[in-house]
Amino acid sequence: MLIDSHAHLEMPQFAGDRAAVLARAREAGVETILAIGSGAGPGSLACAIELAEEFDPLANGVTERGQRKAESGLAGSQQPAASSAFLYATIGIHPHEARLAEEKDFVELEQLANHPRVIAWGEVGLDYWYDHSPRPVQQQVFIRQMEQARAAKLPIIIHCRPSQNGADAWDDCLALLTQHWKPSGLGGVLHCFTGELRHAHAALDLGFVISFAGNVSFPKAQNIRDAARALPLDRMFIETDSPFLAPVPHRGKRNEPAFVAETARHIAQLRGSTAEEVGDATAANFRRFFAEKL
């Protein structure tokens, strides 16, 4: 079994064949996909919820959590969650669009957090590589969303990318998580991990899971492979970050959830294991981590 813990299914790269992409994922053994709901920023914050409702509307059963929300009449809770849904969703403002965030957007996020398919808040964090938003603004929006996620009792999914040849975003991100998030006890996911092993261990100490994407297969990504080899398997997820970062042998093509099987295969080679063992273990990790949300 496989779970793609991070996919941007709303992206225009999937506009022409989204249903076929999801069908291929099922055929490849992907049982669940977590659709990331940061979209293009404010104005598209419900994108992952909308996809979950459109492409997985009749998932079997209703969780106790979803039933409570549906019965409570909370905003955004028109459809109950499924006990074995194929698509789940997140919400959040990406650091790229932090400069666009207004008060109404935070109000919308608070409402969307009540939707039964929403199981995490993100991706949020810091990006000092592109600096599309000023760093102080990124930090302010990050802190605000940590406060909201804590109130909603949702774990967070972290995007962290430092400036070239530096660790600045890692230092700032881990410091902010220690100060503003650790007391929540909710943990989270370091998505598409690209840091050093010390950053991963610091995140594990904060209750985070480390998620690896297709770039673990890239020739120059030795630091990612070192982490994938060394970290405990029971604290790992795998993901595609579709449509980005297609793994070898698909590098250069559009990535899609079915290719998470290749990420499992590359990690298995590093660890002297099998793709099936890595897939099953990371899927079990996902189900265990989100047990109260699924």
Protein backbone atom coordinates (compact mmCIF):
# COMPACT_ATOMS: atom_id res chain seq x y z
CA MET A 1 0.00 0.00 0.00
CA LEU A 2 1.08 3.56 -0.70
CA ILE A 3 0.02 6.97 0.57
CA ASP A 4 1.02 10.18 -1.18
CA SER A 5 1.20 12.57 1.75
CA HIS A 6 1.58 15.76 -0.32
CA ALA A 7 0.22 16.54 -3.79
CA HIS A 8 -0.86 19.80 -5.44
CA LEU A 9 -3.70 18.38 -7.44
CA GLU A 10 -5.26 21.79 -8.05
CA MET A 11 -2.37 22.92 -10.24
CA PRO A 12 -3.10 23.76 -13.90
CA GLN A 13 -0.76 20.96 -14.98
CA PHE A 14 -3.58 18.56 -14.07
CA ALA A 15 -6.43 20.51 -15.60
CA GLY A 16 -6.71 18.32 -18.69
CA ASP A 17 -6.56 14.84 -17.16
CA ARG A 18 -7.04 15.05 -13.39
CA ALA A 19 -9.45 12.10 -13.29
CA ALA A 20 -7.03 9.95 -15.27
CA VAL A 21 -4.16 10.95 -12.97
CA LEU A 22 -6.17 9.80 -9.96
CA ALA A 23 -7.14 6.57 -11.70
CA ARG A 24 -3.46 5.82 -12.39
CA ALA A 25 -2.68 6.45 -8.74
CA ARG A 26 -5.24 3.87 -7.66
CA GLU A 27 -3.87 1.38 -10.18
CA ALA A 28 -0.36 1.94 -8.76
CA GLY A 29 -1.56 1.01 -5.27
CA VAL A 30 -2.02 4.50 -3.85
CA GLU A 31 -4.81 4.22 -1.28
CA THR A 32 -4.86 7.82 -0.04
CA ILE A 33 -3.68 11.21 -1.26
CA LEU A 34 -3.39 14.32 0.88
CA ALA A 35 -4.28 17.24 -1.40
CA ILE A 36 -2.53 20.43 -0.34
CA GLY A 37 -4.81 23.44 -0.11
CA SER A 38 -2.52 26.45 -0.29
CA GLY A 39 -3.36 26.87 -3.98
CA ALA A 40 -2.39 30.22 -5.46
CA GLY A 41 -2.89 31.91 -2.12
CA PRO A 42 -5.84 34.00 -0.92
CA GLY A 43 -8.85 33.44 -3.13
CA SER A 44 -8.11 29.75 -3.67
CA LEU A 45 -7.80 28.45 -0.12
CA ALA A 46 -10.63 25.92 -0.52
CA CYS A 47 -9.09 24.30 -3.60
CA ALA A 48 -8.15 20.97 -1.98
CA ILE A 49 -11.54 20.64 -0.28
CA GLU A 50 -13.27 21.22 -3.60
CA LEU A 51 -11.18 18.53 -5.27
CA ALA A 52 -11.87 16.05 -2.48
CA GLU A 53 -15.59 16.66 -2.82
CA GLU A 54 -15.51 16.42 -6.62
CA PHE A 55 -13.30 13.40 -7.09
CA ASP A 56 -14.00 11.43 -3.92
CA PRO A 57 -17.61 12.28 -3.08
CA LEU A 58 -18.86 8.83 -2.17
CA ALA A 59 -16.09 7.38 -0.04
CA ASN A 60 -17.33 4.56 2.17
CA GLY A 61 -18.69 5.39 5.59
CA VAL A 62 -18.58 8.39 7.85
CA THR A 63 -16.09 8.93 10.65
CA GLU A 64 -17.28 9.92 14.08
CA ARG A 65 -15.38 13.18 13.64
CA GLY A 66 -17.00 13.89 10.31
CA GLN A 67 -20.45 13.02 11.60
CA ARG A 68 -20.07 15.38 14.56
CA LYS A 69 -19.03 18.19 12.25
CA ALA A 70 -21.79 17.53 9.77
CA GLU A 71 -24.39 17.53 12.54
CA SER A 72 -22.99 20.66 14.17
CA GLY A 73 -23.68 22.80 11.11
CA LEU A 74 -20.23 24.37 11.20
CA ALA A 75 -19.19 26.44 8.22
CA GLY A 76 -17.78 24.38 5.39
CA SER A 77 -19.06 21.09 6.74
CA GLN A 78 -21.53 20.27 4.01
CA GLN A 79 -20.12 16.82 3.40
CA PRO A 80 -19.14 14.33 6.09
CA ALA A 81 -15.66 12.87 6.16
CA ALA A 82 -15.11 9.36 4.92
CA SER A 83 -13.67 6.62 7.07
CA SER A 84 -11.53 5.42 4.17
CA ALA A 85 -11.41 8.45 1.92
CA PHE A 86 -9.14 8.47 -1.10
CA LEU A 87 -8.63 12.23 -0.90
CA TYR A 88 -8.09 14.34 2.19
CA ALA A 89 -7.32 18.05 2.24
CA THR A 90 -5.27 20.72 3.93
CA ILE A 91 -5.66 24.49 4.12
CA GLY A 92 -3.10 27.24 4.54
CA ILE A 93 -1.26 30.24 3.13
CA HIS A 94 2.12 29.35 1.60
CA PRO A 95 5.06 31.63 2.48
CA HIS A 96 5.23 32.71 -1.17
CA GLU A 97 1.82 34.40 -0.84
CA ALA A 98 2.23 35.65 2.73
CA ARG A 99 2.33 39.28 1.56
CA LEU A 100 -1.17 38.86 0.08
CA ALA A 101 -2.81 37.70 3.31
CA GLU A 102 -5.57 39.90 4.72
CA GLU A 103 -7.75 39.52 7.78
CA LYS A 104 -10.60 38.10 5.71
CA ASP A 105 -8.30 35.29 4.57
CA PHE A 106 -7.56 34.25 8.14
CA VAL A 107 -11.30 34.30 8.85
CA GLU A 108 -11.88 32.06 5.83
CA LEU A 109 -9.19 29.65 7.00
CA GLU A 110 -10.80 29.43 10.42
CA GLN A 111 -14.07 28.43 8.77
CA LEU A 112 -12.48 25.97 6.34
CA ALA A 113 -10.68 24.24 9.20
CA ASN A 114 -14.05 22.82 10.27
CA HIS A 115 -14.53 20.88 7.06
CA PRO A 116 -14.41 17.13 7.76
CA ARG A 117 -11.95 16.39 4.96
CA VAL A 118 -9.38 18.85 6.38
CA ILE A 119 -6.83 16.93 8.43
CA ALA A 120 -3.88 19.33 8.54
CA TRP A 121 -2.89 22.98 8.16
CA GLY A 122 -0.39 23.79 5.46
CA GLU A 123 1.80 24.05 3.76
CA VAL A 124 3.08 26.93 5.85
CA GLY A 125 6.53 28.06 6.85
CA LEU A 126 9.43 30.03 5.44
CA ASP A 127 10.98 30.33 1.98
CA TYR A 128 14.17 32.39 1.83
CA TRP A 129 15.21 30.97 -1.54
CA TYR A 130 12.72 32.95 -3.61
CA ASP A 131 11.71 35.62 -1.07
CA HIS A 132 8.43 36.23 -2.89
CA SER A 133 7.21 37.75 0.38
CA PRO A 134 9.38 39.78 2.78
CA ARG A 135 10.85 37.58 5.49
CA PRO A 136 9.28 39.45 8.42
CA VAL A 137 5.88 39.09 6.72
CA GLN A 138 6.47 35.36 6.15
CA GLN A 139 7.26 34.96 9.82
CA GLN A 140 4.20 36.93 10.95
CA VAL A 141 1.85 34.94 8.71
CA PHE A 142 3.49 31.69 9.83
CA ILE A 143 2.99 32.54 13.50
CA ARG A 144 -0.61 33.59 12.90
CA GLN A 145 -1.39 30.29 11.19
CA MET A 146 0.29 28.29 13.93
CA GLU A 147 -2.07 30.02 16.36
CA GLN A 148 -5.05 29.15 14.18
CA ALA A 149 -3.97 25.54 13.66
CA ARG A 150 -3.50 25.12 17.39
CA ALA A 151 -7.02 26.43 18.02
CA ALA A 152 -8.37 24.03 15.37
CA LYS A 153 -6.31 21.16 16.81
CA LEU A 154 -4.76 20.42 13.42
CA PRO A 155 -1.13 19.37 12.86
CA ILE A 156 0.87 21.58 10.52
CA ILE A 157 2.72 20.83 7.29
CA ILE A 158 5.95 22.77 6.96
CA HIS A 159 7.61 24.24 3.89
CA CYS A 160 11.18 25.32 4.66
CA ARG A 161 13.68 26.45 2.05
CA PRO A 162 16.77 28.45 3.02
CA SER A 163 18.72 30.88 0.90
CA GLN A 164 21.45 29.42 -1.28
CA ASN A 165 24.24 27.69 0.65
CA GLY A 166 22.70 28.67 3.97
CA ALA A 167 20.62 27.39 6.84
CA ASP A 168 18.89 30.67 7.67
CA ALA A 169 15.32 29.51 7.04
CA TRP A 170 15.96 26.29 8.95
CA ASP A 171 17.27 28.19 11.96
CA ASP A 172 14.34 30.62 11.93
CA CYS A 173 11.73 27.94 11.25
CA LEU A 174 12.89 25.61 14.01
CA ALA A 175 13.13 28.52 16.45
CA LEU A 176 9.58 29.63 15.66
CA LEU A 177 8.29 26.07 15.94
CA THR A 178 9.98 25.65 19.31
CA GLN A 179 8.49 28.87 20.63
CA HIS A 180 5.04 28.90 19.06
CA TRP A 181 4.19 25.29 18.20
CA LYS A 182 5.92 22.81 20.49
CA PRO A 183 3.63 23.60 23.46
CA SER A 184 0.61 22.54 21.37
CA GLY A 185 1.78 18.92 21.32
CA LEU A 186 0.16 18.51 17.91
CA GLY A 187 3.31 17.87 15.87
CA GLY A 188 3.37 18.06 12.12
CA VAL A 189 5.14 17.12 8.91
CA LEU A 190 8.36 18.47 7.44
CA HIS A 191 7.31 18.17 3.81
CA CYS A 192 9.80 17.46 1.01
CA PHE A 193 12.72 17.39 3.40
CA THR A 194 15.89 18.99 1.99
CA GLY A 195 17.82 19.90 5.13
CA GLU A 196 20.69 18.30 6.97
CA LEU A 197 20.34 15.39 9.35
CA ARG A 198 20.60 17.74 12.34
CA HIS A 199 17.53 19.63 11.14
CA ALA A 200 15.59 16.40 10.85
CA HIS A 201 16.55 15.33 14.36
CA ALA A 202 15.54 18.73 15.75
CA ALA A 203 12.15 18.34 14.07
CA LEU A 204 11.72 14.80 15.42
CA ASP A 205 12.30 16.21 18.90
CA LEU A 206 9.41 18.62 18.25
CA GLY A 207 7.07 15.75 17.37
CA PHE A 208 7.33 16.03 13.60
CA VAL A 209 7.36 13.39 10.89
CA ILE A 210 9.87 13.76 8.03
CA SER A 211 8.45 13.41 4.52
CA PHE A 212 10.59 12.53 1.52
CA ALA A 213 9.76 13.35 -2.09
CA GLY A 214 11.14 12.33 -5.46
CA ASN A 215 14.22 14.51 -5.11
CA VAL A 216 15.68 11.79 -2.89
CA SER A 217 16.57 10.18 -6.24
CA PHE A 218 18.40 13.21 -7.68
CA PRO A 219 22.17 12.71 -8.14
CA LYS A 220 23.19 15.82 -6.17
CA ALA A 221 20.78 15.24 -3.25
CA GLN A 222 23.19 13.32 -1.03
CA ASN A 223 22.03 15.15 2.10
CA ILE A 224 18.46 13.97 1.48
CA ARG A 225 19.60 10.39 0.92
CA ASP A 226 21.67 10.50 4.09
CA ALA A 227 18.59 11.52 6.06
CA ALA A 228 16.35 8.94 4.36
CA ARG A 229 18.86 6.23 5.23
CA ALA A 230 19.47 7.28 8.83
CA LEU A 231 16.09 8.34 10.19
CA PRO A 232 13.77 5.84 11.88
CA LEU A 233 11.32 4.42 9.36
CA ASP A 234 8.42 4.83 11.78
CA ARG A 235 8.87 8.62 11.66
CA MET A 236 8.75 8.96 7.88
CA PHE A 237 6.20 9.73 5.16
CA ILE A 238 6.64 9.64 1.40
CA GLU A 239 5.13 12.09 -1.06
CA THR A 240 5.29 13.32 -4.62
CA ASP A 241 4.84 17.09 -4.24
CA SER A 242 3.09 16.70 -7.60
CA PRO A 243 3.39 18.15 -10.16
CA PHE A 244 6.94 19.01 -9.09
CA LEU A 245 10.08 16.93 -8.46
CA ALA A 246 9.32 13.83 -10.50
CA PRO A 247 11.67 11.05 -9.35
CA VAL A 248 14.09 9.13 -11.51
CA PRO A 249 13.22 7.62 -14.02
CA HIS A 250 10.50 10.23 -14.62
CA ARG A 251 12.66 13.28 -13.89
CA GLY A 252 11.88 16.18 -16.19
CA LYS A 253 8.27 15.08 -16.63
CA ARG A 254 5.18 16.17 -14.76
CA ASN A 255 5.07 14.39 -11.45
CA GLU A 256 1.87 12.64 -10.35
CA PRO A 257 0.73 10.61 -7.32
CA ALA A 258 1.36 7.23 -8.97
CA PHE A 259 5.07 8.05 -8.97
CA VAL A 260 5.20 7.89 -5.17
CA ALA A 261 5.99 4.23 -5.78
CA GLU A 262 9.37 5.32 -7.16
CA THR A 263 10.10 7.34 -4.03
CA ALA A 264 9.41 4.22 -1.98
CA ARG A 265 11.70 2.22 -4.25
CA HIS A 266 14.62 4.65 -3.95
CA ILE A 267 14.32 4.84 -0.17
CA ALA A 268 14.16 1.05 0.02
CA GLN A 269 17.41 0.79 -1.94
CA LEU A 270 19.07 3.17 0.50
CA ARG A 271 17.88 1.18 3.50
CA GLY A 272 18.42 -2.33 2.15
CA SER A 273 14.70 -2.96 2.23
CA THR A 274 11.93 -3.42 -0.32
CA ALA A 275 9.59 -0.88 -1.87
CA GLU A 276 6.64 -2.80 -0.43
CA GLU A 277 8.05 -2.58 3.09
CA VAL A 278 8.69 1.16 2.79
CA GLY A 279 5.27 1.76 1.26
CA ASP A 280 3.46 -0.26 3.91
CA ALA A 281 5.41 1.31 6.77
CA THR A 282 4.97 4.92 5.63
CA ALA A 283 1.26 4.30 4.94
CA ALA A 284 0.87 2.90 8.46
CA ASN A 285 2.74 5.94 9.82
CA PHE A 286 0.31 8.24 8.03
CA ARG A 287 -2.74 6.44 9.35
CA ARG A 288 -1.32 6.41 12.87
CA PHE A 289 -0.30 10.08 12.83
CA PHE A 290 -3.69 11.23 11.53
CA ALA A 291 -5.72 8.59 13.39
CA GLU A 292 -7.99 11.15 15.04
CA LYS A 293 -8.61 12.95 11.75
CA LEU A 294 -9.31 10.12 9.29
